[in-house]
């Protein structure tokens, strides 16, 4: 039996990277999966991959910065599958630069996508889980940059620090309803979003400007992050609540 057998899971930003790997893994582990994203072709490709493996999934095309549309996403999940048991709020964007080069538009873009949209997704998800009688698990995708500092990441780090605090506060508030809330804080992971800055070294290893000092000596794969997300949303993590689990190959321990 899979770790999410019989459960319904929502993955935002499920068309690529960690979100895509998670959607595929959750389905493999028995969940009925709903995934969101802006790109329809990529989303339908993930659904097709899940279906080919014997799973069940739907794609909901959505831009989470359109806040008023978020309740309808949860509504579509419930209309198709009858309930919502697990939610991985994964959607996000990267970006940064020296502080003096950043403007209000960049601030708004990062904060709206990486933090504001996640709060309103949490609001809709929690309301549905309470309506079902309580119980469930909600996970946010944060970043190791919520706990360590690197140049050129000021706004991004602020958005991810907000995610960690949001998850902790929500865990305290929703815990009495049996709803667990946590965050996963990855280091640089090999995805479409990071591929442009990954350098192939002469010795065959890979490096990235934000990945120096990782004791394991390599970048993470999206599937490795998906495995941690699976654990935190499954009943095996039934007493894990309000935690920010850093998954960084030891980078923050240096």
Protein backbone atom coordinates (compact mmCIF):
# COMPACT_ATOMS: atom_id res chain seq x y z
CA UNK A 1 0.00 0.00 0.00
CA UNK A 2 1.30 3.45 -0.91
CA UNK A 3 1.96 6.17 1.64
CA UNK A 4 -0.91 8.28 0.26
CA UNK A 5 -3.27 5.42 -0.60
CA UNK A 6 -6.87 6.60 -0.74
CA UNK A 7 -5.98 10.27 -0.25
CA UNK A 8 -6.56 13.28 -2.48
CA UNK A 9 -3.57 15.58 -2.94
CA UNK A 10 -3.21 19.04 -4.47
CA UNK A 11 0.16 20.22 -5.81
CA UNK A 12 0.50 23.84 -6.90
CA UNK A 13 3.19 24.58 -9.44
CA UNK A 14 3.01 20.96 -10.53
CA UNK A 15 4.12 21.34 -14.15
CA UNK A 16 7.88 21.26 -13.55
CA UNK A 17 10.66 20.78 -11.05
CA UNK A 18 9.87 19.73 -7.50
CA UNK A 19 6.13 20.12 -8.07
CA UNK A 20 6.11 17.82 -11.08
CA UNK A 21 8.26 15.20 -9.34
CA UNK A 22 5.95 15.37 -6.32
CA UNK A 23 2.75 15.01 -8.35
CA UNK A 24 4.11 11.91 -10.08
CA UNK A 25 5.38 10.41 -6.82
CA UNK A 26 2.17 11.13 -4.90
CA UNK A 27 0.16 9.35 -7.60
CA UNK A 28 2.56 6.41 -7.51
CA UNK A 29 1.98 6.26 -3.76
CA UNK A 30 -1.77 5.93 -4.20
CA UNK A 31 -3.08 9.51 -4.16
CA UNK A 32 -5.55 11.01 -6.58
CA UNK A 33 -3.69 14.14 -7.65
CA UNK A 34 -4.73 17.60 -8.77
CA UNK A 35 -1.92 19.81 -10.03
CA UNK A 36 -1.94 23.45 -10.99
CA UNK A 37 0.24 25.57 -13.21
CA UNK A 38 0.19 28.29 -15.80
CA UNK A 39 1.27 26.10 -18.73
CA UNK A 40 -1.46 23.83 -20.04
CA UNK A 41 0.68 21.63 -22.30
CA UNK A 42 3.13 20.82 -19.52
CA UNK A 43 0.32 20.20 -17.05
CA UNK A 44 -1.51 17.81 -19.33
CA UNK A 45 1.78 16.00 -19.99
CA UNK A 46 2.13 15.31 -16.26
CA UNK A 47 -1.47 14.05 -16.12
CA UNK A 48 -0.77 11.75 -19.09
CA UNK A 49 2.36 10.40 -17.43
CA UNK A 50 0.44 9.64 -14.24
CA UNK A 51 -2.39 8.00 -16.18
CA UNK A 52 0.06 5.86 -18.17
CA UNK A 53 1.39 4.52 -14.87
CA UNK A 54 -2.11 3.63 -13.68
CA UNK A 55 -2.75 6.71 -11.55
CA UNK A 56 -5.46 9.34 -11.59
CA UNK A 57 -4.84 13.07 -11.91
CA UNK A 58 -6.31 16.31 -13.20
CA UNK A 59 -4.66 19.53 -14.29
CA UNK A 60 -6.12 22.90 -13.31
CA UNK A 61 -4.65 25.80 -15.27
CA UNK A 62 -4.24 28.68 -12.86
CA UNK A 63 -2.16 31.71 -11.99
CA UNK A 64 -2.08 31.78 -8.19
CA UNK A 65 -1.42 35.51 -8.12
CA UNK A 66 -5.06 35.85 -9.22
CA UNK A 67 -6.18 35.51 -5.63
CA UNK A 68 -9.92 35.44 -6.30
CA UNK A 69 -9.48 32.25 -8.37
CA UNK A 70 -7.84 30.23 -5.60
CA UNK A 71 -11.05 29.02 -3.87
CA UNK A 72 -12.27 27.68 -7.20
CA UNK A 73 -9.14 25.54 -7.48
CA UNK A 74 -9.99 23.75 -4.25
CA UNK A 75 -13.59 23.61 -5.42
CA UNK A 76 -12.57 21.83 -8.63
CA UNK A 77 -10.52 19.31 -6.66
CA UNK A 78 -13.48 18.50 -4.43
CA UNK A 79 -15.89 18.39 -7.36
CA UNK A 80 -13.72 15.75 -9.05
CA UNK A 81 -12.44 13.72 -6.12
CA UNK A 82 -14.86 14.49 -3.28
CA UNK A 83 -12.40 15.84 -0.71
CA UNK A 84 -8.90 17.23 -0.04
CA UNK A 85 -6.50 15.43 2.28
CA UNK A 86 -3.07 16.81 1.43
CA UNK A 87 -1.81 20.02 -0.16
CA UNK A 88 1.71 20.86 -1.31
CA UNK A 89 1.90 24.62 -1.85
CA UNK A 90 4.93 24.51 -4.07
CA UNK A 91 4.46 27.18 -6.75
CA UNK A 92 7.10 29.89 -6.76
CA UNK A 93 9.53 31.98 -8.76
CA UNK A 94 13.15 32.94 -8.30
CA UNK A 95 14.96 36.20 -8.85
CA UNK A 96 17.15 38.74 -7.19
CA UNK A 97 20.22 40.86 -7.54
CA UNK A 98 22.06 43.54 -5.60
CA UNK A 99 19.71 45.41 -3.27
CA UNK A 100 20.24 48.78 -4.95
CA UNK A 101 19.17 47.35 -8.33
CA UNK A 102 15.81 46.01 -7.15
CA UNK A 103 12.56 47.92 -7.50
CA UNK A 104 8.98 47.76 -6.28
CA UNK A 105 7.87 45.72 -9.27
CA UNK A 106 10.38 42.98 -8.45
CA UNK A 107 9.35 43.05 -4.79
CA UNK A 108 5.67 42.73 -5.69
CA UNK A 109 6.29 39.92 -8.18
CA UNK A 110 8.25 37.76 -5.73
CA UNK A 111 6.16 38.46 -2.65
CA UNK A 112 2.84 38.06 -4.49
CA UNK A 113 3.87 34.70 -5.97
CA UNK A 114 6.00 33.23 -3.20
CA UNK A 115 4.09 34.40 -0.13
CA UNK A 116 0.75 36.15 -0.68
CA UNK A 117 -0.62 33.44 -2.98
CA UNK A 118 0.45 30.76 -0.51
CA UNK A 119 -1.51 32.38 2.31
CA UNK A 120 -4.70 32.42 0.27
CA UNK A 121 -4.11 28.83 -0.85
CA UNK A 122 -3.71 27.89 2.81
CA UNK A 123 -6.94 29.70 3.62
CA UNK A 124 -8.93 27.76 1.02
CA UNK A 125 -7.33 24.42 1.84
CA UNK A 126 -7.84 24.76 5.59
CA UNK A 127 -11.48 25.75 5.11
CA UNK A 128 -12.12 22.61 3.05
CA UNK A 129 -10.34 20.34 5.51
CA UNK A 130 -12.35 21.80 8.39
CA UNK A 131 -15.54 21.33 6.37
CA UNK A 132 -14.68 17.65 6.01
CA UNK A 133 -14.49 17.33 9.79
CA UNK A 134 -10.82 18.12 10.28
CA UNK A 135 -7.64 16.22 9.62
CA UNK A 136 -5.23 16.63 6.75
CA UNK A 137 -1.76 17.91 6.00
CA UNK A 138 -0.51 21.08 4.33
CA UNK A 139 3.08 21.58 3.21
CA UNK A 140 4.84 24.68 1.90
CA UNK A 141 7.94 24.78 -0.25
CA UNK A 142 10.30 27.23 1.44
CA UNK A 143 14.05 27.46 0.96
CA UNK A 144 17.29 27.04 2.84
CA UNK A 145 17.60 30.78 2.21
CA UNK A 146 15.02 31.27 4.94
CA UNK A 147 17.74 30.34 7.42
CA UNK A 148 21.06 31.20 5.75
CA UNK A 149 22.10 34.34 3.86
CA UNK A 150 23.68 34.76 0.46
CA UNK A 151 24.29 37.91 -1.60
CA UNK A 152 21.66 38.94 -4.13
CA UNK A 153 18.77 37.06 -2.54
CA UNK A 154 17.18 39.70 -0.30
CA UNK A 155 13.60 39.67 -1.61
CA UNK A 156 13.55 35.94 -2.34
CA UNK A 157 14.87 35.20 1.15
CA UNK A 158 12.23 37.49 2.65
CA UNK A 159 9.48 35.64 0.80
CA UNK A 160 10.73 32.25 1.96
CA UNK A 161 11.28 33.44 5.53
CA UNK A 162 7.66 34.52 5.47
CA UNK A 163 6.65 31.03 4.32
CA UNK A 164 8.37 29.42 7.29
CA UNK A 165 6.68 31.78 9.75
CA UNK A 166 3.33 31.33 8.01
CA UNK A 167 3.57 27.55 8.27
CA UNK A 168 4.51 27.72 11.94
CA UNK A 169 1.63 30.05 12.83
CA UNK A 170 -0.85 27.99 10.81
CA UNK A 171 0.32 24.79 12.52
CA UNK A 172 -0.52 26.26 15.93
CA UNK A 173 -3.91 27.52 14.78
CA UNK A 174 -4.97 24.47 12.79
CA UNK A 175 -3.46 21.77 14.99
CA UNK A 176 -6.58 21.52 17.19
CA UNK A 177 -8.50 20.61 14.02
CA UNK A 178 -6.08 17.76 13.28
CA UNK A 179 -4.52 19.66 10.38
CA UNK A 180 -0.73 19.52 10.27
CA UNK A 181 1.25 22.31 8.58
CA UNK A 182 4.97 22.19 7.80
CA UNK A 183 7.49 23.53 5.31
CA UNK A 184 10.32 21.90 3.40
CA UNK A 185 13.38 24.11 2.89
CA UNK A 186 15.47 22.88 -0.06
CA UNK A 187 18.87 24.04 -1.18
CA UNK A 188 19.53 24.51 -4.90
CA UNK A 189 17.79 21.69 -6.74
CA UNK A 190 18.32 20.62 -10.32
CA UNK A 191 15.16 21.89 -12.05
CA UNK A 192 14.17 23.88 -15.13
CA UNK A 193 14.24 27.05 -13.01
CA UNK A 194 17.87 26.57 -11.94
CA UNK A 195 19.24 24.93 -15.09
CA UNK A 196 20.40 28.18 -16.68
CA UNK A 197 23.00 28.82 -13.96
CA UNK A 198 24.24 25.27 -13.47
CA UNK A 199 27.85 24.87 -14.61
CA UNK A 200 29.35 21.56 -15.72
CA UNK A 201 32.83 21.28 -14.23
CA UNK A 202 35.83 19.62 -15.84
CA UNK A 203 35.71 16.77 -13.32
CA UNK A 204 32.11 15.94 -14.23
CA UNK A 205 30.53 17.57 -11.21
CA UNK A 206 28.00 20.41 -11.31
CA UNK A 207 28.02 23.75 -9.53
CA UNK A 208 25.71 26.72 -9.07
CA UNK A 209 26.43 30.20 -7.67
CA UNK A 210 24.16 29.54 -4.67
CA UNK A 211 25.29 25.98 -4.07
CA UNK A 212 28.81 26.45 -2.72
CA UNK A 213 29.84 24.74 0.48
CA UNK A 214 27.45 21.79 0.30
CA UNK A 215 29.16 18.91 2.14
CA UNK A 216 27.55 16.27 -0.09
CA UNK A 217 29.28 17.98 -3.00
CA UNK A 218 26.39 17.93 -5.45
CA UNK A 219 23.07 19.52 -6.32
CA UNK A 220 19.83 17.88 -5.25
CA UNK A 221 17.46 16.19 -7.65
CA UNK A 222 13.79 17.18 -7.68
CA UNK A 223 12.86 13.58 -6.88
CA UNK A 224 14.83 13.80 -3.62
CA UNK A 225 12.74 16.76 -2.50
CA UNK A 226 9.56 14.98 -3.59
CA UNK A 227 10.41 12.06 -1.30
CA UNK A 228 10.64 14.41 1.69
CA UNK A 229 7.38 16.11 0.71
CA UNK A 230 5.75 12.69 0.50
CA UNK A 231 6.87 11.81 4.02
CA UNK A 232 5.65 15.07 5.54
CA UNK A 233 2.21 14.74 3.92
CA UNK A 234 1.84 11.07 4.81
CA UNK A 235 0.63 9.48 8.03
CA UNK A 236 4.22 8.47 8.78
CA UNK A 237 4.71 12.11 9.80
CA UNK A 238 1.52 12.13 11.88
CA UNK A 239 3.19 13.94 14.81
CA UNK A 240 5.30 16.36 12.77
CA UNK A 241 3.71 19.80 12.93
CA UNK A 242 4.96 23.37 12.68
CA UNK A 243 8.40 22.36 11.45
CA UNK A 244 10.71 23.74 8.76
CA UNK A 245 12.65 20.71 7.53
CA UNK A 246 15.88 21.80 5.88
CA UNK A 247 16.93 19.51 3.02
CA UNK A 248 20.19 21.01 1.84
CA UNK A 249 22.92 18.38 1.77
CA UNK A 250 24.41 19.96 4.88
CA UNK A 251 24.87 23.45 3.40
CA UNK A 252 23.42 25.23 6.43
CA UNK A 253 25.54 23.15 8.81
CA UNK A 254 28.83 24.57 7.51
